[in-house]
């Protein structure tokens, strides 16, 4: 099963939502506390729970700085963009198109700064391309 089909399954979406806490006012996505009755979750809760999820990095194609995360869900590891997880947490579903950061800051995931737009609309909100130095 392709990743997109896998991510659209209701139980997978719910599992991903349950693993994070999203604050729409600050834009922060943190790891949620997991069930303490499961032994491996005790280590997770003391090490990661309530800490920021994801890390900032440049996207390899266009130098876009975004926040990415690689959770393992039901034994399948994938890389996700944090802004898409924020959208999922707020709406219960994945965005239909592309998440655009209105202020062009890919690390600002405040709810008021996110919008679901087509790629063509998103391209209108990009800054000028920078010439790559050789």
Foldseek 3Di string as FASTA:
>chain_A
DDPVVVCQDLVNLVVLLQQWDADLAQLFIAGAQDDVVDPVSVVCCVPGHPHGAFDWDADPPARQIATWHWDQTPNRTDIDTVLQNNVCNVPVGGAPADWAQQVSRRHRNRPVRIDRDHVVVNVVSDDDGDDDDD
